[in-house]
Amino acid sequence: MSTGTAAVWGRAEQQDFRSRVRGALLGGALGDALGAGVSGLGLEQMREVHGAEGVTDFVVAHGRRGAVTALTQLTLFTVDGLIRAQVRRDTGAWHPPTDVHQAHLRWAATQRDWGPDERRKDNGWLAAQEWLYARRDPARSCLNGFGDPRMGTLDRPKNPDARDAAALTRSAPFGLLVGWEPQLVLQLAVECAAQSHGHAAAQLAAGAFAVLVHGLARGDSLDGSVQHTLALLAGRPGHEPVTASLQQALGSVRQDVPGPALVEALGVGDAAEEVLAVAVYCALVGEDVRHGLRLAVNHSGPSSATASVCGALLGALHGETALPPAWLAELEGRATLLELADDFAMEMTQGPALHSPTTAAPGWLSRYPRG
């Protein structure tokens, strides 16, 4: 499975990989939706409104139960960009950060326009999904970062001081590049984070999240994946806040019964490293996906962000069958999420059968144009 080509993927490996891709994308969206109705509320406010246990099920947000936010929208466009990068490789143009950036510019267009512009034939199928044009609390860092065509780079990042979690929460798909070496996954996620976030902690938190998902998608344990991620971070300038947050999350596992007090000790702000630490802790101590996500929501921090990251980790770890079916049944955009997840898995495992430098399946290029 080291190269991700069809020749080295057995049927069982393909099925397992698809389950983990589906799990990561659907799990992240479930966490996002579970927290969407209470993000910005303190714990006591949640309890006043929803009872002593806080949020235990979807609550109405954006006019419906199971609604997702810009966190999930951006994650979908990250996947779209990664598929297009693979397709464009046939042309000799191989620079995934550029393709991901172009995908995020397509997301930015959904936040400005009323609906998909049918005159644009090069946008592919994802940008034609009407439901993605709803504006769902996008972070200012992302609106500003993708508000013009210039691509932020590590040398010249967009929003130099941005440390919030909006680059982190869209970075799970990088970890699903299981044929890549983990240090390359880390580098790609960091470079793409710089397109909207300039602070090293935000960039390295995004990279750490991607490496965590990468380890889980390859079959590692969560604890083992955290340890490997810490080792990779150690050589990166500015890693100290992210490393300290992950180490604190590991240390919290050995303390008392899991609950809001331990979660809030890891951070209640929107700093990317704190959101990552909360998500990792809840994934480590959660008895199952439902319990982990409830822990990740019921605190005074940014509930959608922490639960989205936690859900992606648990989904990559356990696969789609571990996700709560009653929640999946109500999840906004589930059909789109499944379709994109399966396209990603097919591209990564059977790409050469879909396209090459000389030939291509017309339907595939219609979905993921090379231009």
Protein backbone atom coordinates (compact mmCIF):
# COMPACT_ATOMS: atom_id res chain seq x y z
CA MET A 1 0.00 0.00 0.00
CA SER A 2 3.05 2.25 -0.11
CA THR A 3 2.36 3.83 -3.49
CA GLY A 4 -1.42 3.87 -3.53
CA THR A 5 -1.60 2.36 -7.03
CA ALA A 6 -4.10 -0.26 -8.09
CA ALA A 7 -1.37 -2.86 -8.53
CA VAL A 8 -0.58 -2.99 -4.82
CA TRP A 9 -4.08 -2.67 -3.37
CA GLY A 10 -5.91 -5.91 -2.63
CA ARG A 11 -9.70 -5.93 -2.45
CA ALA A 12 -9.76 -6.12 1.35
CA GLU A 13 -7.30 -3.22 1.56
CA GLN A 14 -9.45 -1.14 -0.76
CA GLN A 15 -12.57 -1.83 1.30
CA ASP A 16 -10.80 -1.00 4.56
CA PHE A 17 -9.39 2.22 3.11
CA ARG A 18 -12.77 3.31 1.76
CA SER A 19 -14.34 2.67 5.16
CA ARG A 20 -11.72 4.84 6.86
CA VAL A 21 -12.08 7.63 4.29
CA ARG A 22 -15.84 7.58 4.75
CA GLY A 23 -15.36 7.42 8.51
CA ALA A 24 -13.04 10.42 8.61
CA LEU A 25 -15.22 12.65 6.42
CA LEU A 26 -18.57 11.61 7.88
CA GLY A 27 -17.21 11.58 11.44
CA GLY A 28 -15.87 15.10 11.06
CA ALA A 29 -19.19 16.29 9.68
CA LEU A 30 -21.12 14.62 12.52
CA GLY A 31 -19.00 16.40 15.10
CA ASP A 32 -19.44 19.68 13.27
CA ALA A 33 -23.22 19.22 13.18
CA LEU A 34 -23.44 18.15 16.81
CA GLY A 35 -21.71 21.33 17.91
CA ALA A 36 -23.23 23.69 15.35
CA GLY A 37 -26.16 24.72 17.54
CA VAL A 38 -24.12 25.48 20.64
CA SER A 39 -20.79 26.88 19.46
CA GLY A 40 -20.21 30.12 21.33
CA LEU A 41 -22.21 29.01 24.37
CA GLY A 42 -20.61 28.38 27.74
CA LEU A 43 -21.14 25.02 29.44
CA GLU A 44 -23.62 26.41 31.96
CA GLN A 45 -25.62 28.00 29.16
CA MET A 46 -25.74 24.64 27.37
CA ARG A 47 -27.00 22.96 30.53
CA GLU A 48 -29.64 25.63 31.08
CA VAL A 49 -31.01 25.09 27.60
CA HIS A 50 -30.44 21.38 27.04
CA GLY A 51 -30.43 19.83 30.50
CA ALA A 52 -27.89 18.73 33.06
CA GLU A 53 -26.02 16.50 30.58
CA GLY A 54 -25.76 19.28 28.03
CA VAL A 55 -25.97 18.37 24.35
CA THR A 56 -26.64 14.68 23.79
CA ASP A 57 -28.18 14.85 20.31
CA PHE A 58 -28.43 17.20 17.35
CA VAL A 59 -30.03 20.54 18.13
CA VAL A 60 -31.49 22.89 15.57
CA ALA A 61 -28.90 25.07 13.83
CA HIS A 62 -29.30 27.04 10.62
CA GLY A 63 -32.94 26.02 10.50
CA ARG A 64 -32.59 22.24 10.81
CA ARG A 65 -31.14 19.36 12.79
CA GLY A 66 -27.88 17.92 11.51
CA ALA A 67 -26.76 21.10 9.74
CA VAL A 68 -23.03 21.45 9.10
CA THR A 69 -20.92 24.60 9.02
CA ALA A 70 -18.12 26.05 6.93
CA LEU A 71 -15.76 23.58 8.63
CA THR A 72 -17.30 20.71 6.66
CA GLN A 73 -17.69 22.76 3.50
CA LEU A 74 -13.98 23.56 3.43
CA THR A 75 -13.05 19.95 4.16
CA LEU A 76 -15.04 18.83 1.14
CA PHE A 77 -13.24 21.29 -1.10
CA THR A 78 -9.90 20.12 0.30
CA VAL A 79 -10.76 16.59 -0.85
CA ASP A 80 -11.79 17.93 -4.26
CA GLY A 81 -8.45 19.71 -4.59
CA LEU A 82 -6.48 16.59 -3.71
CA ILE A 83 -8.33 14.51 -6.30
CA ARG A 84 -7.67 17.14 -8.94
CA ALA A 85 -4.00 17.22 -8.02
CA GLN A 86 -3.80 13.51 -8.83
CA VAL A 87 -5.64 13.99 -12.11
CA ARG A 88 -3.49 16.96 -13.11
CA ARG A 89 -0.36 14.93 -12.52
CA ASP A 90 -0.95 13.40 -15.96
CA THR A 91 -0.28 16.81 -17.52
CA GLY A 92 3.09 17.15 -15.81
CA ALA A 93 1.68 19.83 -13.49
CA TRP A 94 2.33 18.45 -10.01
CA HIS A 95 1.93 20.97 -7.22
CA PRO A 96 -0.81 19.87 -4.80
CA PRO A 97 -0.78 23.12 -2.76
CA THR A 98 -1.85 25.00 -5.89
CA ASP A 99 -4.69 22.58 -6.62
CA VAL A 100 -5.90 22.74 -3.02
CA HIS A 101 -5.72 26.52 -3.13
CA GLN A 102 -7.80 26.58 -6.32
CA ALA A 103 -10.35 24.35 -4.60
CA HIS A 104 -10.57 26.72 -1.66
CA LEU A 105 -11.07 29.63 -4.04
CA ARG A 106 -14.05 27.67 -5.41
CA TRP A 107 -15.34 27.41 -1.84
CA ALA A 108 -14.90 31.16 -1.42
CA ALA A 109 -17.04 31.69 -4.51
CA THR A 110 -19.86 29.74 -2.86
CA GLN A 111 -19.81 32.27 -0.04
CA ARG A 112 -20.28 35.19 -2.45
CA ASP A 113 -22.70 33.77 -5.01
CA TRP A 114 -26.35 32.81 -4.76
CA GLY A 115 -25.82 29.44 -6.38
CA PRO A 116 -23.65 27.48 -8.82
CA ASP A 117 -22.96 29.30 -12.05
CA GLU A 118 -24.00 26.88 -14.76
CA ARG A 119 -21.92 28.78 -17.31
CA ARG A 120 -18.72 27.60 -15.63
CA LYS A 121 -18.01 24.14 -17.01
CA ASP A 122 -14.60 23.79 -15.39
CA ASN A 123 -15.73 23.84 -11.77
CA GLY A 124 -16.57 20.15 -11.55
CA TRP A 125 -19.49 18.55 -9.80
CA LEU A 126 -18.82 19.62 -6.21
CA ALA A 127 -19.18 23.33 -6.92
CA ALA A 128 -22.59 22.58 -8.48
CA GLN A 129 -24.05 21.33 -5.18
CA GLU A 130 -26.63 23.94 -4.25
CA TRP A 131 -26.53 23.22 -0.51
CA LEU A 132 -22.87 24.24 -0.30
CA TYR A 133 -23.77 27.85 -1.12
CA ALA A 134 -25.26 28.40 2.34
CA ARG A 135 -23.08 30.69 4.44
CA ARG A 136 -22.41 28.85 7.68
CA ASP A 137 -20.28 30.96 9.99
CA PRO A 138 -17.04 30.92 7.97
CA ALA A 139 -13.96 32.14 9.81
CA ARG A 140 -12.80 35.61 8.86
CA SER A 141 -9.31 34.18 8.36
CA CYS A 142 -10.63 31.95 5.57
CA LEU A 143 -12.78 34.61 3.95
CA ASN A 144 -9.80 36.95 3.91
CA GLY A 145 -7.30 34.25 2.98
CA PHE A 146 -9.30 33.12 -0.03
CA GLY A 147 -10.77 36.50 -0.86
CA ASP A 148 -8.30 37.12 -3.67
CA PRO A 149 -6.36 34.83 -6.03
CA ARG A 150 -2.94 35.28 -4.43
CA MET A 151 -1.83 32.08 -2.75
CA GLY A 152 -0.34 32.40 0.69
CA THR A 153 2.95 30.56 1.18
CA LEU A 154 5.18 29.78 4.14
CA ASP A 155 7.37 32.74 3.17
CA ARG A 156 4.39 35.02 2.55
CA PRO A 157 1.40 33.60 4.42
CA LYS A 158 -2.05 35.13 4.39
CA ASN A 159 -3.19 36.59 7.75
CA PRO A 160 0.27 36.47 9.41
CA ASP A 161 -1.11 36.46 12.96
CA ALA A 162 -4.05 34.08 12.46
CA ARG A 163 -3.91 31.29 15.04
CA ASP A 164 -7.53 30.10 15.03
CA ALA A 165 -8.57 26.55 14.18
CA ALA A 166 -10.04 27.07 10.70
CA ALA A 167 -6.98 25.67 8.88
CA LEU A 168 -6.80 22.78 11.33
CA THR A 169 -10.41 21.70 10.85
CA ARG A 170 -10.11 21.35 7.06
CA SER A 171 -6.91 19.29 7.16
CA ALA A 172 -8.07 15.70 7.77
CA PRO A 173 -8.03 14.87 4.02
CA PHE A 174 -4.26 15.31 3.82
CA GLY A 175 -3.91 12.44 6.25
CA LEU A 176 -5.87 10.17 3.91
CA LEU A 177 -2.97 10.25 1.44
CA VAL A 178 -1.81 6.93 2.88
CA GLY A 179 0.62 6.31 0.04
CA TRP A 180 2.65 9.34 1.10
CA GLU A 181 5.32 9.37 3.75
CA PRO A 182 4.14 11.10 6.94
CA GLN A 183 6.69 13.90 6.76
CA LEU A 184 5.36 14.82 3.31
CA VAL A 185 1.79 14.78 4.62
CA LEU A 186 2.90 17.12 7.40
CA GLN A 187 4.60 19.47 4.95
CA LEU A 188 1.63 19.59 2.56
CA ALA A 189 -0.84 20.35 5.36
CA VAL A 190 1.43 23.08 6.74
CA GLU A 191 1.88 24.69 3.32
CA CYS A 192 -1.86 24.67 2.68
CA ALA A 193 -2.57 26.09 6.14
CA ALA A 194 -0.36 29.07 5.25
CA GLN A 195 -2.86 29.93 2.53
CA SER A 196 -5.07 31.42 5.25
CA HIS A 197 -3.13 31.24 8.53
CA GLY A 198 0.28 32.72 9.20
CA HIS A 199 0.93 31.69 12.80
CA ALA A 200 3.24 28.69 13.19
CA ALA A 201 0.98 27.11 15.81
CA ALA A 202 -2.00 27.16 13.44
CA GLN A 203 0.08 25.70 10.62
CA LEU A 204 1.71 22.98 12.71
CA ALA A 205 -1.57 22.06 14.41
CA ALA A 206 -3.02 21.47 10.94
CA GLY A 207 0.02 19.40 10.03
CA ALA A 208 -0.17 17.41 13.26
CA PHE A 209 -3.85 16.64 12.68
CA ALA A 210 -3.07 15.40 9.18
CA VAL A 211 -0.31 13.13 10.47
CA LEU A 212 -2.61 11.76 13.18
CA VAL A 213 -5.24 10.87 10.58
CA HIS A 214 -2.51 9.40 8.37
CA GLY A 215 -1.40 7.04 11.11
CA LEU A 216 -4.96 5.98 11.88
CA ALA A 217 -5.82 5.45 8.21
CA ARG A 218 -2.77 3.17 7.98
CA GLY A 219 -4.02 1.12 10.93
CA ASP A 220 -2.03 2.60 13.81
CA SER A 221 -3.53 3.12 17.26
CA LEU A 222 -4.43 6.65 18.31
CA ASP A 223 -1.84 6.69 21.08
CA GLY A 224 0.80 5.39 18.68
CA SER A 225 -0.18 7.97 16.10
CA VAL A 226 0.15 10.76 18.68
CA GLN A 227 3.62 9.57 19.65
CA HIS A 228 4.72 9.43 16.02
CA THR A 229 3.30 12.91 15.41
CA LEU A 230 5.20 14.32 18.38
CA ALA A 231 8.42 12.85 16.99
CA LEU A 232 7.82 14.50 13.60
CA LEU A 233 6.95 17.85 15.14
CA ALA A 234 10.13 17.95 17.21
CA GLY A 235 12.24 19.10 14.28
CA ARG A 236 9.93 21.93 13.19
CA PRO A 237 10.54 25.55 14.26
CA GLY A 238 7.71 26.86 16.42
CA HIS A 239 6.41 23.41 17.36
CA GLU A 240 6.47 24.01 21.12
CA PRO A 241 2.83 25.13 21.64
CA VAL A 242 1.45 22.24 19.59
CA THR A 243 3.77 19.70 21.20
CA ALA A 244 2.90 20.95 24.70
CA SER A 245 -0.84 20.77 23.95
CA LEU A 246 -0.62 17.21 22.64
CA GLN A 247 1.48 16.14 25.63
CA GLN A 248 -1.06 17.71 27.96
CA ALA A 249 -3.84 15.79 26.20
CA LEU A 250 -1.94 12.54 26.74
CA GLY A 251 -1.33 13.37 30.38
CA SER A 252 -5.02 14.17 30.96
CA VAL A 253 -6.01 10.63 29.96
CA ARG A 254 -4.56 9.35 33.24
CA GLN A 255 -6.50 11.82 35.38
CA ASP A 256 -9.91 11.29 36.94
CA VAL A 257 -13.14 10.44 35.09
CA PRO A 258 -13.46 12.16 31.68
CA GLY A 259 -15.65 15.23 31.80
CA PRO A 260 -15.92 18.94 31.02
CA ALA A 261 -13.43 20.02 33.68
CA LEU A 262 -10.61 18.00 32.13
CA VAL A 263 -11.66 19.11 28.65
CA GLU A 264 -11.67 22.79 29.60
CA ALA A 265 -8.27 22.46 31.28
CA LEU A 266 -6.90 21.82 27.79
CA GLY A 267 -8.29 25.12 26.52
CA VAL A 268 -11.53 26.95 25.92
CA GLY A 269 -10.35 29.29 23.18
CA ASP A 270 -10.14 28.98 19.40
CA ALA A 271 -6.35 28.61 19.27
CA ALA A 272 -5.62 25.75 16.88
CA GLU A 273 -3.38 23.82 19.27
CA GLU A 274 -6.00 23.93 22.04
CA VAL A 275 -8.74 22.69 19.71
CA LEU A 276 -6.47 19.85 18.60
CA ALA A 277 -5.64 18.91 22.19
CA VAL A 278 -9.32 18.79 23.22
CA ALA A 279 -10.19 16.66 20.18
CA VAL A 280 -7.34 14.21 20.77
CA TYR A 281 -8.19 13.86 24.46
CA CYS A 282 -11.87 13.18 23.74
CA ALA A 283 -10.97 10.64 21.06
CA LEU A 284 -8.59 8.87 23.44
CA VAL A 285 -11.02 8.60 26.35
CA GLY A 286 -14.32 8.22 24.48
CA GLU A 287 -15.94 4.86 25.11
CA ASP A 288 -17.28 4.94 21.55
CA VAL A 289 -17.82 7.53 18.83
CA ARG A 290 -21.01 8.89 20.38
CA HIS A 291 -19.40 9.32 23.82
CA GLY A 292 -16.26 10.91 22.37
CA LEU A 293 -18.24 13.43 20.35
CA ARG A 294 -20.45 14.37 23.28
CA LEU A 295 -17.34 15.03 25.37
CA ALA A 296 -15.92 17.14 22.55
CA VAL A 297 -19.08 19.28 22.37
CA ASN A 298 -19.96 19.84 26.03
CA HIS A 299 -17.49 22.49 27.15
CA SER A 300 -17.15 26.25 26.91
CA GLY A 301 -14.87 26.23 23.89
CA PRO A 302 -15.61 26.10 20.13
CA SER A 303 -17.76 22.98 20.11
CA SER A 304 -18.08 22.49 16.36
CA ALA A 305 -14.32 22.71 15.84
CA THR A 306 -13.32 20.35 18.66
CA ALA A 307 -16.02 17.81 17.82
CA SER A 308 -15.27 17.95 14.08
CA VAL A 309 -11.59 17.13 14.66
CA CYS A 310 -12.50 14.44 17.20
CA GLY A 311 -15.02 12.89 14.80
CA ALA A 312 -12.50 12.74 11.96
CA LEU A 313 -9.99 11.01 14.23
CA LEU A 314 -12.51 8.45 15.48
CA GLY A 315 -13.88 7.87 11.99
CA ALA A 316 -10.41 7.25 10.56
CA LEU A 317 -9.64 4.95 13.49
CA HIS A 318 -12.78 2.81 13.44
CA GLY A 319 -14.25 3.26 9.96
CA GLU A 320 -17.74 4.29 8.91
CA THR A 321 -19.59 1.39 10.56
CA ALA A 322 -18.70 2.73 14.03
CA LEU A 323 -20.55 6.01 13.40
CA PRO A 324 -23.98 6.44 15.03
CA PRO A 325 -26.55 5.57 12.34
CA ALA A 326 -29.32 7.75 13.80
CA TRP A 327 -27.06 10.79 13.49
CA LEU A 328 -25.95 9.83 9.99
CA ALA A 329 -29.59 9.63 8.93
CA GLU A 330 -30.08 13.33 9.72
CA LEU A 331 -26.70 14.66 8.58
CA GLU A 332 -26.90 17.45 6.05
CA GLY A 333 -25.07 16.69 2.82
CA ARG A 334 -24.54 13.01 3.62
CA ALA A 335 -25.01 11.95 -0.01
CA THR A 336 -22.39 14.46 -1.17
CA LEU A 337 -19.98 13.41 1.56
CA LEU A 338 -20.33 9.75 0.64
CA GLU A 339 -19.95 10.41 -3.07
CA LEU A 340 -16.82 12.49 -2.57
CA ALA A 341 -15.33 9.99 -0.11
CA ASP A 342 -15.83 7.15 -2.57
CA ASP A 343 -14.37 9.20 -5.42
CA PHE A 344 -11.30 9.96 -3.30
CA ALA A 345 -10.87 6.30 -2.37
CA MET A 346 -11.28 5.24 -6.01
CA GLU A 347 -8.78 7.83 -7.22
CA MET A 348 -6.19 6.79 -4.66
CA THR A 349 -6.57 3.06 -5.23
CA GLN A 350 -7.52 2.85 -8.92
CA GLY A 351 -6.40 6.14 -10.42
CA PRO A 352 -4.44 4.60 -13.34
CA ALA A 353 -7.63 2.85 -14.51
CA LEU A 354 -9.41 6.22 -14.62
CA HIS A 355 -6.82 8.40 -16.31
CA SER A 356 -3.27 8.49 -17.65
CA PRO A 357 -1.16 10.99 -19.62
CA THR A 358 -2.66 9.66 -22.86
CA THR A 359 -6.20 8.54 -21.99
CA ALA A 360 -8.93 9.30 -19.48
CA ALA A 361 -12.48 8.31 -18.65
CA PRO A 362 -14.57 11.26 -19.92
CA GLY A 363 -16.91 11.12 -16.96
CA TRP A 364 -14.04 11.39 -14.51
CA LEU A 365 -12.58 14.48 -16.21
CA SER A 366 -16.02 16.04 -16.20
CA ARG A 367 -16.14 15.58 -12.43
CA TYR A 368 -12.52 16.58 -11.83
CA PRO A 369 -11.30 18.74 -14.74
CA ARG A 370 -7.59 19.00 -15.43
CA GLY A 371 -7.83 22.72 -16.10
